[in-house]
C-alpha atoms as a PDB file:
ATOM      1  CA  UNK A   1     -16.582  87.376 -44.174  1.00  0.00           C
ATOM      2  CA  UNK A   2     -18.158  85.175 -41.483  1.00  0.00           C
ATOM      3  CA  UNK A   3     -18.689  82.415 -43.946  1.00  0.00           C
ATOM      4  CA  UNK A   4     -15.053  81.103 -44.004  1.00  0.00           C
ATOM      5  CA  UNK A   5     -14.929  81.191 -40.220  1.00  0.00           C
ATOM      6  CA  UNK A   6     -18.241  79.457 -39.956  1.00  0.00           C
ATOM      7  CA  UNK A   7     -17.097  76.888 -42.481  1.00  0.00           C
ATOM      8  CA  UNK A   8     -13.855  76.496 -40.602  1.00  0.00           C
ATOM      9  CA  UNK A   9     -15.715  75.819 -37.349  1.00  0.00           C
ATOM     10  CA  UNK A  10     -17.877  73.190 -39.073  1.00  0.00           C
ATOM     11  CA  UNK A  11     -14.787  71.727 -40.702  1.00  0.00           C
ATOM     12  CA  UNK A  12     -13.025  71.548 -37.331  1.00  0.00           C
ATOM     13  CA  UNK A  13     -16.104  69.936 -35.789  1.00  0.00           C
ATOM     14  CA  UNK A  14     -16.220  67.309 -38.561  1.00  0.00           C
ATOM     15  CA  UNK A  15     -12.493  66.605 -38.150  1.00  0.00           C
ATOM     16  CA  UNK A  16     -12.964  66.240 -34.384  1.00  0.00           C
ATOM     17  CA  UNK A  17     -15.840  63.809 -34.959  1.00  0.00           C
ATOM     18  CA  UNK A  18     -13.796  61.796 -37.474  1.00  0.00           C
ATOM     19  CA  UNK A  19     -10.711  61.642 -35.252  1.00  0.00           C
ATOM     20  CA  UNK A  20     -12.757  60.882 -32.149  1.00  0.00           C
ATOM     21  CA  UNK A  21     -14.425  58.037 -34.024  1.00  0.00           C
ATOM     22  CA  UNK A  22     -11.008  56.826 -35.141  1.00  0.00           C
ATOM     23  CA  UNK A  23      -9.750  56.902 -31.562  1.00  0.00           C
ATOM     24  CA  UNK A  24     -12.857  55.050 -30.433  1.00  0.00           C
ATOM     25  CA  UNK A  25     -12.391  52.452 -33.179  1.00  0.00           C
ATOM     26  CA  UNK A  26      -8.722  52.033 -32.282  1.00  0.00           C
ATOM     27  CA  UNK A  27      -9.654  51.696 -28.617  1.00  0.00           C
ATOM     28  CA  UNK A  28     -12.224  49.004 -29.493  1.00  0.00           C
ATOM     29  CA  UNK A  29      -9.667  47.181 -31.630  1.00  0.00           C
ATOM     30  CA  UNK A  30      -7.152  47.369 -28.780  1.00  0.00           C
ATOM     31  CA  UNK A  31      -9.752  46.093 -26.309  1.00  0.00           C
ATOM     32  CA  UNK A  32     -10.644  43.198 -28.644  1.00  0.00           C
ATOM     33  CA  UNK A  33      -6.959  42.336 -29.053  1.00  0.00           C
ATOM     34  CA  UNK A  34      -6.498  42.372 -25.281  1.00  0.00           C
ATOM     35  CA  UNK A  35      -9.605  40.211 -24.912  1.00  0.00           C
ATOM     36  CA  UNK A  36      -8.204  37.644 -27.374  1.00  0.00           C
ATOM     37  CA  UNK A  37      -4.826  37.689 -25.628  1.00  0.00           C
ATOM     38  CA  UNK A  38      -6.518  37.200 -22.266  1.00  0.00           C
ATOM     39  CA  UNK A  39      -8.628  34.349 -23.663  1.00  0.00           C
ATOM     40  CA  UNK A  40      -5.444  32.642 -24.881  1.00  0.00           C
ATOM     41  CA  UNK A  41      -3.793  33.188 -21.500  1.00  0.00           C
ATOM     42  CA  UNK A  42      -6.843  31.817 -19.703  1.00  0.00           C
ATOM     43  CA  UNK A  43      -6.861  28.738 -21.933  1.00  0.00           C
ATOM     44  CA  UNK A  44      -3.147  28.159 -21.226  1.00  0.00           C
ATOM     45  CA  UNK A  45      -3.681  28.588 -17.484  1.00  0.00           C
ATOM     46  CA  UNK A  46      -6.614  26.176 -17.550  1.00  0.00           C
ATOM     47  CA  UNK A  47      -4.398  23.595 -19.236  1.00  0.00           C
ATOM     48  CA  UNK A  48      -1.696  24.187 -16.621  1.00  0.00           C
ATOM     49  CA  UNK A  49      -4.241  23.886 -13.828  1.00  0.00           C
ATOM     50  CA  UNK A  50      -5.537  20.612 -15.259  1.00  0.00           C
ATOM     51  CA  UNK A  51      -1.991  19.281 -15.620  1.00  0.00           C
ATOM     52  CA  UNK A  52      -1.188  20.279 -12.052  1.00  0.00           C
ATOM     53  CA  UNK A  53      -4.425  18.702 -10.819  1.00  0.00           C
ATOM     54  CA  UNK A  54      -3.531  15.413 -12.523  1.00  0.00           C
ATOM     55  CA  UNK A  55      -0.014  15.568 -11.060  1.00  0.00           C
ATOM     56  CA  UNK A  56      -1.417  16.329  -7.598  1.00  0.00           C
ATOM     57  CA  UNK A  57      -3.840  13.400  -7.813  1.00  0.00           C
ATOM     58  CA  UNK A  58      -0.978  11.156  -8.897  1.00  0.00           C
ATOM     59  CA  UNK A  59       1.174  12.415  -6.013  1.00  0.00           C
ATOM     60  CA  UNK A  60      -1.649  11.760  -3.540  1.00  0.00           C
ATOM     61  CA  UNK A  61      -2.056   8.202  -4.881  1.00  0.00           C
ATOM     62  CA  UNK A  62       1.690   7.601  -4.616  1.00  0.00           C
ATOM     63  CA  UNK A  63       1.727   9.013  -1.064  1.00  0.00           C
ATOM     64  CA  UNK A  64      -1.172   6.751  -0.088  1.00  0.00           C
ATOM     65  CA  UNK A  65       0.544   3.722  -1.620  1.00  0.00           C
ATOM     66  CA  UNK A  66       3.748   4.655   0.193  1.00  0.00           C
ATOM     67  CA  UNK A  67       1.934   4.833   3.525  1.00  0.00           C
ATOM     68  CA  UNK A  68       0.160   1.515   2.878  1.00  0.00           C
ATOM     69  CA  UNK A  69       3.419  -0.137   1.847  1.00  0.00           C
ATOM     70  CA  UNK A  70       5.186   1.257   4.926  1.00  0.00           C
ATOM     71  CA  UNK A  71       2.473  -0.237   7.113  1.00  0.00           C
ATOM     72  CA  UNK A  72       2.747  -3.563   5.307  1.00  0.00           C
ATOM     73  CA  UNK A  73       6.547  -3.466   5.655  1.00  0.00           C
ATOM     74  CA  UNK A  74       6.228  -2.889   9.418  1.00  0.00           C
ATOM     75  CA  UNK A  75       3.786  -5.816   9.720  1.00  0.00           C
ATOM     76  CA  UNK A  76       6.047  -8.052   7.639  1.00  0.00           C
ATOM     77  CA  UNK A  77       9.085  -7.006   9.663  1.00  0.00           C
ATOM     78  CA  UNK A  78       7.291  -7.981  12.867  1.00  0.00           C
ATOM     79  CA  UNK A  79       6.246 -11.256  11.256  1.00  0.00           C
ATOM     80  CA  UNK A  80       9.891 -11.922  10.309  1.00  0.00           C
ATOM     81  CA  UNK A  81      10.939 -11.392  13.927  1.00  0.00           C
ATOM     82  CA  UNK A  82       8.220 -13.812  15.082  1.00  0.00           C
ATOM     83  CA  UNK A  83       9.252 -16.363  12.450  1.00  0.00           C
ATOM     84  CA  UNK A  84      12.884 -15.942  13.509  1.00  0.00           C
ATOM     85  CA  UNK A  85      11.896 -16.807  17.069  1.00  0.00           C
ATOM     86  CA  UNK A  86       9.863 -19.773  15.827  1.00  0.00           C
ATOM     87  CA  UNK A  87      12.828 -20.973  13.757  1.00  0.00           C
ATOM     88  CA  UNK A  88      15.185 -20.582  16.728  1.00  0.00           C
ATOM     89  CA  UNK A  89      12.786 -22.578  18.921  1.00  0.00           C
ATOM     90  CA  UNK A  90      12.445 -25.244  16.204  1.00  0.00           C
ATOM     91  CA  UNK A  91      16.245 -25.405  15.900  1.00  0.00           C
ATOM     92  CA  UNK A  92      16.505 -25.844  19.671  1.00  0.00           C
ATOM     93  CA  UNK A  93      13.985 -28.680  19.503  1.00  0.00           C
ATOM     94  CA  UNK A  94      15.899 -30.251  16.574  1.00  0.00           C
ATOM     95  CA  UNK A  95      19.163 -30.019  18.501  1.00  0.00           C
ATOM     96  CA  UNK A  96      17.515 -31.622  21.528  1.00  0.00           C
ATOM     97  CA  UNK A  97      16.088 -34.367  19.296  1.00  0.00           C
ATOM     98  CA  UNK A  98      19.498 -34.886  17.679  1.00  0.00           C
ATOM     99  CA  UNK A  99      20.981 -35.293  21.145  1.00  0.00           C
ATOM    100  CA  UNK A 100      18.247 -37.747  22.060  1.00  0.00           C
ATOM    101  CA  UNK A 101      18.815 -39.685  18.815  1.00  0.00           C
ATOM    102  CA  UNK A 102      22.573 -39.901  19.497  1.00  0.00           C
ATOM    103  CA  UNK A 103      21.830 -41.084  23.001  1.00  0.00           C
ATOM    104  CA  UNK A 104      19.346 -43.668  21.721  1.00  0.00           C
ATOM    105  CA  UNK A 105      21.831 -44.925  19.125  1.00  0.00           C
ATOM    106  CA  UNK A 106      24.529 -45.336  21.705  1.00  0.00           C
ATOM    107  CA  UNK A 107      22.025 -47.221  23.906  1.00  0.00           C
ATOM    108  CA  UNK A 108      21.095 -49.375  20.923  1.00  0.00           C
ATOM    109  CA  UNK A 109      24.755 -50.109  20.294  1.00  0.00           C
ATOM    110  CA  UNK A 110      25.283 -51.013  23.963  1.00  0.00           C
ATOM    111  CA  UNK A 111      22.158 -53.106  23.930  1.00  0.00           C
ATOM    112  CA  UNK A 112      23.444 -54.871  20.796  1.00  0.00           C
ATOM    113  CA  UNK A 113      26.748 -55.566  22.526  1.00  0.00           C
ATOM    114  CA  UNK A 114      25.019 -56.983  25.545  1.00  0.00           C
ATOM    115  CA  UNK A 115      23.050 -59.495  23.601  1.00  0.00           C
END
């Protein structure tokens, strides 16, 4: 009479071992799947990080070029102002020379009349 109960207890124990092993196997499979998914995510994030790093480096280069070009533009603007002053002074000298030339021509004409 104890034999079926004893067998039943062993049977239950075997079933518990089988189902526990199944749960463990499923848990391992789930962990491996999560690990693969995380590896894929990490790879994607690494690519994004590299892309962002390249874009940041490019932005820094552009910013540096912008600053250099702004400095050059300021220097050239100042140079243009200086050249404008030089041109104005040269124009004043030309106008003075033109006046002198007109005066000399009129003197030459008077001198030619006197001879």
